[in-house]
Structures are given as structure tokens and as C-alpha cells.
């Protein structure tokens, strides 16, 4: 709130303190219309990001990865065409020549369109956290779906801790607990830049039972009875959604409310194999974290 307020107030404060600076401001004209239209295109693109988060949280399932990328391509192509004068709006004056600024913005927009076009067959690392995750798609890699959203990179993962613990006992594997969120930017960055690495993906596929618990999931725990809820025994809070359940689970068991947050447990569902970690991590550190927990699990069995 402080940062937002300072950013808005700073120009007014500076011009009030130094009135002579007002004379150096450029005069209004067609450039102002260009700035407003350009920002309008960018606002539409960012509004789509927040709409896609709501889409995932509420399980509407209409703004999936391919549609999101397609709309962004249309928006930035429209921005490029506007800069080059092929698209005009009601308040635009006559375009006598394409200025250097227009050329730069237009060419950057076209380059970005070209980059996004590759997203239909590979993940776009620059859009991690802005676009929906690649596995939230119609045509992307599929995995077995266990009562919830899909799983990154075709992993077989669970979205309920009890189901994951049951599978871990059956397969004699440790549990990789991933506290995540549909609106978590850093979670997507970890999944699309670190989890995707061959050695990491091999560990998650072969050595662990992966369970991703979404703390912002608005799906009801008891969809057929809206009056029914669980009680958090520590604070008496009524838990009506799956997100509130897993958020409470994280706080009560690990003393933290942060995403991404990763914990490795033995298949008794109680023994923590090594110190949990959170936030963005380099590939080497994340790999060491997995291998440390795996070694602890194997040594414990011996």
C-alpha cells in the first residue's frame, strides 16, 4: 500500500516542489492518444491474467492455456498494427509518419507475438506465472487426474493428502508435498523452470508420490451440503473449501503460510525427512533437497 501510494503521489509532489519542471513537459497531442491506447492493450492483457486465475480457482475451466496464449497473440498483434497505422481509433489524429517510438513498440510487439507462437508446442518461461500453467490445457501433456486439477509435465500427482499417503504405503515411496496455489506466480516459475529439468522430473516421477495441495482452491469440501464444514481444532475456524483445508493443514503442521512450500515425508504421513523449503530455488538446491530426503527415507528403512 505504501509503495502504491508513493508511486501515485511522487509526480505531484515533485512538480509542486519544483514548479519550473512543468515547463519541460511535452505538450499534449497525438502522442498522448498513442500512450493511452498502448496502455489500454497492456491493461487488457493483464486483466486476462487475473481472469485466468479466477477461472482456475473457481473451476470454470474455459480460459485454458491455449485460449489464453491465442488471445494474447491477438492483443499484441493488434498493438503492433496500431503502432504501424493499420488500425485507427476515433480519437486518433492523422498519422503523418511513424515515429521512432512507434517503430520500437511495434517491432517489440511483433517479436513478442513470434515468441508466444512457440508456446503451442513448448513452455514459455517468460510467461511463467502470467499465463495459466501448461498442464491446464486442452492439448498439453496429460496425466492421471486424482480429484482435482492436472499435474505439471505429465506427472502422476494427487490433490488429497490421504490419497497420496495411501499410494505411498502401497508403493513404498516417500511423499513430496507441494503447497501451491492457482494464483501463485513463483509456484508456476518453479514448475516450468526447475521441475521440468530431466533429473528433477525423473526423481519426482520415479522416487516420490507427489501431492499438490492448492491453498486457494474454492471448490467446496462438501459440494452437496453447503451448510456442512470441517473445524480447525487449533483456532475453531470453519473450513468450507478445499483451499481453506489445505491452508489450515500447512499452518498447523509446518507453522507457515507460504507458497510454494515443499516438504518430504515418510509414507507414515508423520515423519519429516529433512527441513522443508520454500520460495524460488536454483535447480541444484532443489535437486539436493530431493536427494537428501530420499536418502533419509532409504536409511530409515534400513
Protein backbone atom coordinates (compact mmCIF):
# COMPACT_ATOMS: atom_id res chain seq x y z
CA UNK A 1 0.00 0.00 0.00
CA UNK A 2 2.86 2.39 0.86
CA UNK A 3 4.66 1.64 -2.41
CA UNK A 4 1.48 2.11 -4.44
CA UNK A 5 0.68 5.41 -2.70
CA UNK A 6 4.22 6.76 -3.13
CA UNK A 7 4.26 5.89 -6.83
CA UNK A 8 0.99 7.77 -7.42
CA UNK A 9 1.88 10.78 -5.27
CA UNK A 10 5.52 11.22 -6.28
CA UNK A 11 4.98 13.11 -9.59
CA UNK A 12 2.55 15.56 -7.96
CA UNK A 13 4.91 16.11 -5.05
CA UNK A 14 7.90 16.75 -7.31
CA UNK A 15 6.04 19.19 -9.57
CA UNK A 16 4.71 21.02 -6.53
CA UNK A 17 8.23 21.31 -5.10
CA UNK A 18 9.80 22.31 -8.43
CA UNK A 19 7.17 24.21 -10.48
CA UNK A 20 9.68 25.11 -13.19
CA UNK A 21 9.79 21.42 -14.21
CA UNK A 22 6.27 21.83 -15.61
CA UNK A 23 7.75 23.85 -18.49
CA UNK A 24 9.83 20.85 -19.57
CA UNK A 25 6.79 18.59 -20.02
CA UNK A 26 5.90 17.82 -23.65
CA UNK A 27 2.73 19.40 -24.97
CA UNK A 28 -0.38 17.29 -25.37
CA UNK A 29 -1.05 15.84 -28.78
CA UNK A 30 -1.34 12.63 -30.72
CA UNK A 31 1.45 11.05 -28.65
CA UNK A 32 -0.87 11.10 -25.62
CA UNK A 33 -3.53 9.17 -27.53
CA UNK A 34 -0.88 6.68 -28.58
CA UNK A 35 0.24 6.20 -24.99
CA UNK A 36 -3.35 5.71 -23.79
CA UNK A 37 -4.15 3.15 -26.50
CA UNK A 38 -0.87 1.29 -25.87
CA UNK A 39 -1.58 1.13 -22.15
CA UNK A 40 -5.12 0.00 -22.99
CA UNK A 41 -3.79 -3.02 -24.89
CA UNK A 42 -1.46 -3.84 -21.98
CA UNK A 43 -4.29 -3.49 -19.45
CA UNK A 44 -6.45 -5.91 -21.42
CA UNK A 45 -3.59 -8.41 -21.47
CA UNK A 46 -3.01 -8.13 -17.71
CA UNK A 47 -6.74 -8.25 -16.97
CA UNK A 48 -6.76 -11.61 -18.72
CA UNK A 49 -4.10 -12.85 -16.31
CA UNK A 50 -6.35 -12.12 -13.32
CA UNK A 51 -9.37 -13.58 -15.10
CA UNK A 52 -7.42 -16.79 -15.74
CA UNK A 53 -6.60 -17.04 -12.01
CA UNK A 54 -10.28 -16.69 -11.14
CA UNK A 55 -11.08 -19.29 -13.80
CA UNK A 56 -8.75 -21.83 -12.17
CA UNK A 57 -9.76 -21.03 -8.58
CA UNK A 58 -13.48 -21.33 -9.35
CA UNK A 59 -13.05 -24.34 -11.68
CA UNK A 60 -14.83 -22.68 -14.62
CA UNK A 61 -12.34 -24.32 -17.00
CA UNK A 62 -12.89 -22.09 -20.01
CA UNK A 63 -9.75 -19.89 -20.15
CA UNK A 64 -7.18 -22.62 -20.56
CA UNK A 65 -3.58 -22.25 -21.70
CA UNK A 66 -4.16 -22.39 -25.47
CA UNK A 67 -7.03 -19.86 -25.44
CA UNK A 68 -5.07 -17.51 -23.17
CA UNK A 69 -1.99 -17.58 -25.45
CA UNK A 70 -4.22 -17.14 -28.52
CA UNK A 71 -5.89 -14.02 -27.08
CA UNK A 72 -2.55 -12.54 -26.05
CA UNK A 73 -1.24 -13.09 -29.58
CA UNK A 74 -4.27 -11.23 -30.98
CA UNK A 75 -3.83 -8.36 -28.48
CA UNK A 76 -0.12 -7.83 -29.16
CA UNK A 77 -0.60 -8.23 -32.90
CA UNK A 78 -3.31 -5.55 -32.64
CA UNK A 79 -0.89 -3.33 -30.71
CA UNK A 80 1.74 -3.74 -33.45
CA UNK A 81 -0.77 -2.97 -36.20
CA UNK A 82 -1.88 0.12 -34.28
CA UNK A 83 1.68 1.39 -33.97
CA UNK A 84 2.21 0.97 -37.73
CA UNK A 85 -1.03 2.80 -38.53
CA UNK A 86 -3.08 -0.14 -39.87
CA UNK A 87 -5.59 0.21 -37.01
CA UNK A 88 -7.04 3.63 -36.08
CA UNK A 89 -9.43 4.70 -33.33
CA UNK A 90 -11.96 7.53 -33.12
CA UNK A 91 -9.73 9.98 -31.26
CA UNK A 92 -6.62 9.38 -33.35
CA UNK A 93 -5.39 12.27 -35.43
CA UNK A 94 -3.85 11.85 -38.88
CA UNK A 95 -0.65 9.75 -38.83
CA UNK A 96 1.83 11.71 -40.96
CA UNK A 97 4.80 9.46 -40.18
CA UNK A 98 5.70 6.55 -37.95
CA UNK A 99 7.92 7.90 -35.18
CA UNK A 100 10.89 6.06 -33.71
CA UNK A 101 8.87 5.24 -30.58
CA UNK A 102 6.11 3.66 -32.65
CA UNK A 103 8.64 1.60 -34.61
CA UNK A 104 10.22 0.32 -31.39
CA UNK A 105 6.92 -0.59 -29.71
CA UNK A 106 5.54 -2.14 -32.92
CA UNK A 107 8.62 -4.27 -33.62
CA UNK A 108 8.85 -5.39 -29.97
CA UNK A 109 5.18 -6.39 -30.10
CA UNK A 110 5.74 -8.41 -33.29
CA UNK A 111 8.78 -10.11 -31.75
CA UNK A 112 6.69 -10.98 -28.67
CA UNK A 113 3.94 -12.38 -30.92
CA UNK A 114 6.55 -14.60 -32.60
CA UNK A 115 7.80 -15.78 -29.22
CA UNK A 116 4.28 -16.56 -27.96
CA UNK A 117 3.52 -18.52 -31.12
CA UNK A 118 6.10 -21.10 -30.00
CA UNK A 119 4.09 -21.64 -26.81
CA UNK A 120 1.72 -24.04 -28.52
CA UNK A 121 4.44 -26.70 -28.57
CA UNK A 122 6.78 -25.74 -25.68
CA UNK A 123 6.50 -23.89 -22.32
CA UNK A 124 7.12 -20.13 -22.35
CA UNK A 125 9.48 -19.38 -19.47
CA UNK A 126 8.96 -15.60 -19.82
CA UNK A 127 5.24 -16.05 -19.17
CA UNK A 128 5.57 -18.35 -16.14
CA UNK A 129 3.05 -17.10 -13.60
CA UNK A 130 1.31 -14.82 -16.10
CA UNK A 131 -0.17 -17.44 -18.40
CA UNK A 132 -2.06 -20.43 -16.97
CA UNK A 133 0.19 -23.43 -16.29
CA UNK A 134 0.92 -25.55 -19.35
CA UNK A 135 -0.87 -28.56 -17.85
CA UNK A 136 -4.09 -26.51 -17.54
CA UNK A 137 -4.83 -27.07 -21.21
CA UNK A 138 -6.86 -28.93 -23.80
CA UNK A 139 -3.99 -30.36 -25.83
CA UNK A 140 -0.97 -30.34 -23.48
CA UNK A 141 0.62 -33.35 -21.76
CA UNK A 142 -1.96 -35.25 -19.77
CA UNK A 143 -1.59 -37.14 -16.50
CA UNK A 144 -3.88 -39.22 -14.38
CA UNK A 145 -6.25 -36.84 -12.61
CA UNK A 146 -6.83 -37.50 -8.90
CA UNK A 147 -9.76 -35.40 -7.74
CA UNK A 148 -8.50 -32.02 -8.84
CA UNK A 149 -6.52 -30.05 -11.43
CA UNK A 150 -3.98 -31.67 -13.67
CA UNK A 151 -0.31 -32.14 -12.90
CA UNK A 152 2.78 -30.46 -14.42
CA UNK A 153 4.73 -32.21 -17.17
CA UNK A 154 2.53 -35.30 -17.25
CA UNK A 155 3.39 -36.25 -13.65
CA UNK A 156 1.03 -38.55 -11.83
CA UNK A 157 0.15 -36.48 -8.80
CA UNK A 158 -2.54 -36.30 -6.15
CA UNK A 159 -4.52 -33.40 -4.72
CA UNK A 160 -5.61 -35.03 -1.49
CA UNK A 161 -3.09 -35.84 1.24
CA UNK A 162 -4.86 -39.00 2.46
CA UNK A 163 -4.97 -40.43 -1.07
CA UNK A 164 -1.27 -39.66 -1.52
CA UNK A 165 -0.36 -41.34 1.79
CA UNK A 166 -2.30 -44.45 0.81
CA UNK A 167 -0.45 -44.63 -2.53
CA UNK A 168 2.90 -44.02 -0.78
CA UNK A 169 2.30 -47.01 1.52
CA UNK A 170 1.29 -49.23 -1.38
CA UNK A 171 4.35 -48.27 -3.48
CA UNK A 172 6.75 -47.86 -0.54
CA UNK A 173 7.79 -44.35 -1.56
CA UNK A 174 8.21 -41.07 0.35
CA UNK A 175 5.73 -38.23 -0.16
CA UNK A 176 6.61 -34.95 -1.88
CA UNK A 177 4.15 -32.38 -0.52
CA UNK A 178 3.74 -29.30 -2.71
CA UNK A 179 1.80 -26.45 -1.09
CA UNK A 180 0.81 -24.35 -4.05
CA UNK A 181 -1.89 -22.02 -5.36
CA UNK A 182 -3.63 -21.22 -8.62
CA UNK A 183 -2.61 -17.58 -8.22
CA UNK A 184 0.95 -18.33 -7.10
CA UNK A 185 3.43 -16.84 -9.62
CA UNK A 186 6.52 -18.37 -8.01
CA UNK A 187 4.87 -21.81 -7.98
CA UNK A 188 4.49 -21.67 -11.78
CA UNK A 189 8.09 -20.47 -12.16
CA UNK A 190 9.36 -23.41 -10.13
CA UNK A 191 7.23 -25.90 -12.07
CA UNK A 192 8.13 -24.54 -15.50
CA UNK A 193 11.82 -23.75 -14.97
CA UNK A 194 13.01 -26.22 -12.28
CA UNK A 195 10.62 -29.18 -12.14
CA UNK A 196 10.93 -29.57 -15.90
CA UNK A 197 14.67 -30.37 -15.73
CA UNK A 198 15.29 -34.05 -16.65
CA UNK A 199 16.93 -35.11 -13.36
CA UNK A 200 14.33 -33.33 -11.23
CA UNK A 201 11.44 -34.74 -13.25
CA UNK A 202 12.94 -38.24 -13.03
CA UNK A 203 13.12 -38.01 -9.22
CA UNK A 204 9.53 -36.76 -8.95
CA UNK A 205 8.30 -39.43 -11.37
CA UNK A 206 10.15 -42.43 -10.01
CA UNK A 207 11.12 -41.80 -6.39
CA UNK A 208 8.24 -39.87 -4.81
CA UNK A 209 4.49 -39.73 -4.53
CA UNK A 210 3.67 -36.15 -5.49
CA UNK A 211 0.75 -34.37 -3.84
CA UNK A 212 -0.06 -30.76 -4.83
CA UNK A 213 -2.30 -29.03 -2.29
CA UNK A 214 -3.91 -25.80 -3.59
CA UNK A 215 -4.47 -23.37 -0.72
CA UNK A 216 -6.70 -21.06 -2.80
CA UNK A 217 -8.99 -23.73 -4.25
CA UNK A 218 -12.60 -22.52 -3.89
CA UNK A 219 -14.19 -25.91 -4.53
CA UNK A 220 -16.29 -26.94 -1.55
CA UNK A 221 -15.25 -29.86 0.63
CA UNK A 222 -18.89 -30.95 0.79
CA UNK A 223 -20.39 -29.80 -2.55
CA UNK A 224 -23.77 -31.42 -1.85
CA UNK A 225 -24.28 -29.73 1.53
CA UNK A 226 -23.34 -26.04 1.67
CA UNK A 227 -24.04 -25.90 5.41
CA UNK A 228 -21.51 -28.62 6.22
CA UNK A 229 -17.92 -27.80 7.15
CA UNK A 230 -14.83 -29.00 8.99
CA UNK A 231 -13.47 -27.35 12.13
CA UNK A 232 -9.84 -26.32 12.61
CA UNK A 233 -9.21 -27.65 16.12
CA UNK A 234 -6.46 -25.10 16.77
CA UNK A 235 -8.48 -21.92 16.18
CA UNK A 236 -12.08 -23.04 15.68
CA UNK A 237 -12.20 -21.74 12.11
CA UNK A 238 -14.89 -23.22 9.86
CA UNK A 239 -13.32 -24.82 6.79
CA UNK A 240 -15.74 -24.96 3.85
CA UNK A 241 -13.38 -25.07 0.84
CA UNK A 242 -10.54 -27.34 -0.12
CA UNK A 243 -8.23 -24.33 -0.18
CA UNK A 244 -9.02 -23.42 3.43
CA UNK A 245 -8.50 -27.06 4.44
CA UNK A 246 -5.02 -27.28 2.91
CA UNK A 247 -4.05 -23.82 4.12
CA UNK A 248 -5.02 -24.87 7.65
CA UNK A 249 -3.13 -28.14 7.14
CA UNK A 250 0.06 -26.23 6.19
CA UNK A 251 -0.15 -23.76 9.07
CA UNK A 252 -0.94 -26.34 11.73
CA UNK A 253 1.71 -28.83 10.67
CA UNK A 254 4.53 -26.60 9.44
CA UNK A 255 3.85 -23.27 11.13
CA UNK A 256 3.91 -21.32 7.89
CA UNK A 257 1.54 -19.99 5.23
CA UNK A 258 3.70 -19.68 2.14
CA UNK A 259 3.66 -20.92 -1.43
CA UNK A 260 5.48 -22.62 -2.95
CA UNK A 261 6.44 -24.67 0.09
CA UNK A 262 7.84 -28.16 -0.21
CA UNK A 263 8.06 -30.92 2.40
CA UNK A 264 9.29 -34.51 2.14
CA UNK A 265 7.56 -37.03 4.38
CA UNK A 266 7.94 -40.74 5.03
CA UNK A 267 4.96 -42.83 3.99
CA UNK A 268 3.62 -42.87 7.55
CA UNK A 269 2.50 -39.31 6.81
CA UNK A 270 4.12 -38.07 10.03
CA UNK A 271 7.91 -38.22 9.72
CA UNK A 272 9.50 -35.18 8.10
CA UNK A 273 12.60 -36.44 6.29
CA UNK A 274 14.52 -33.14 6.08
CA UNK A 275 13.87 -29.42 6.65
CA UNK A 276 11.10 -28.18 4.30
CA UNK A 277 11.96 -25.41 1.84
CA UNK A 278 10.01 -22.63 0.15
CA UNK A 279 10.17 -19.93 -2.48
CA UNK A 280 12.21 -19.84 -5.67
CA UNK A 281 15.21 -22.18 -5.66
CA UNK A 282 18.02 -22.92 -8.13
CA UNK A 283 17.90 -26.33 -9.79
CA UNK A 284 20.97 -27.57 -7.89
CA UNK A 285 19.49 -26.69 -4.48
CA UNK A 286 16.13 -28.26 -5.29
CA UNK A 287 17.81 -31.43 -6.54
CA UNK A 288 19.91 -31.60 -3.35
CA UNK A 289 16.74 -31.17 -1.28
CA UNK A 290 15.06 -34.11 -3.05
CA UNK A 291 18.12 -36.37 -2.83
CA UNK A 292 18.64 -35.53 0.85
CA UNK A 293 15.07 -36.53 1.71
CA UNK A 294 15.25 -39.66 -0.45
CA UNK A 295 18.47 -40.77 1.29
CA UNK A 296 16.89 -40.17 4.72
CA UNK A 297 13.90 -42.29 3.69
CA UNK A 298 16.10 -45.19 2.50
CA UNK A 299 18.35 -45.00 5.53
CA UNK A 300 15.31 -45.03 7.80
CA UNK A 301 14.07 -48.21 6.12
CA UNK A 302 17.44 -49.84 6.72
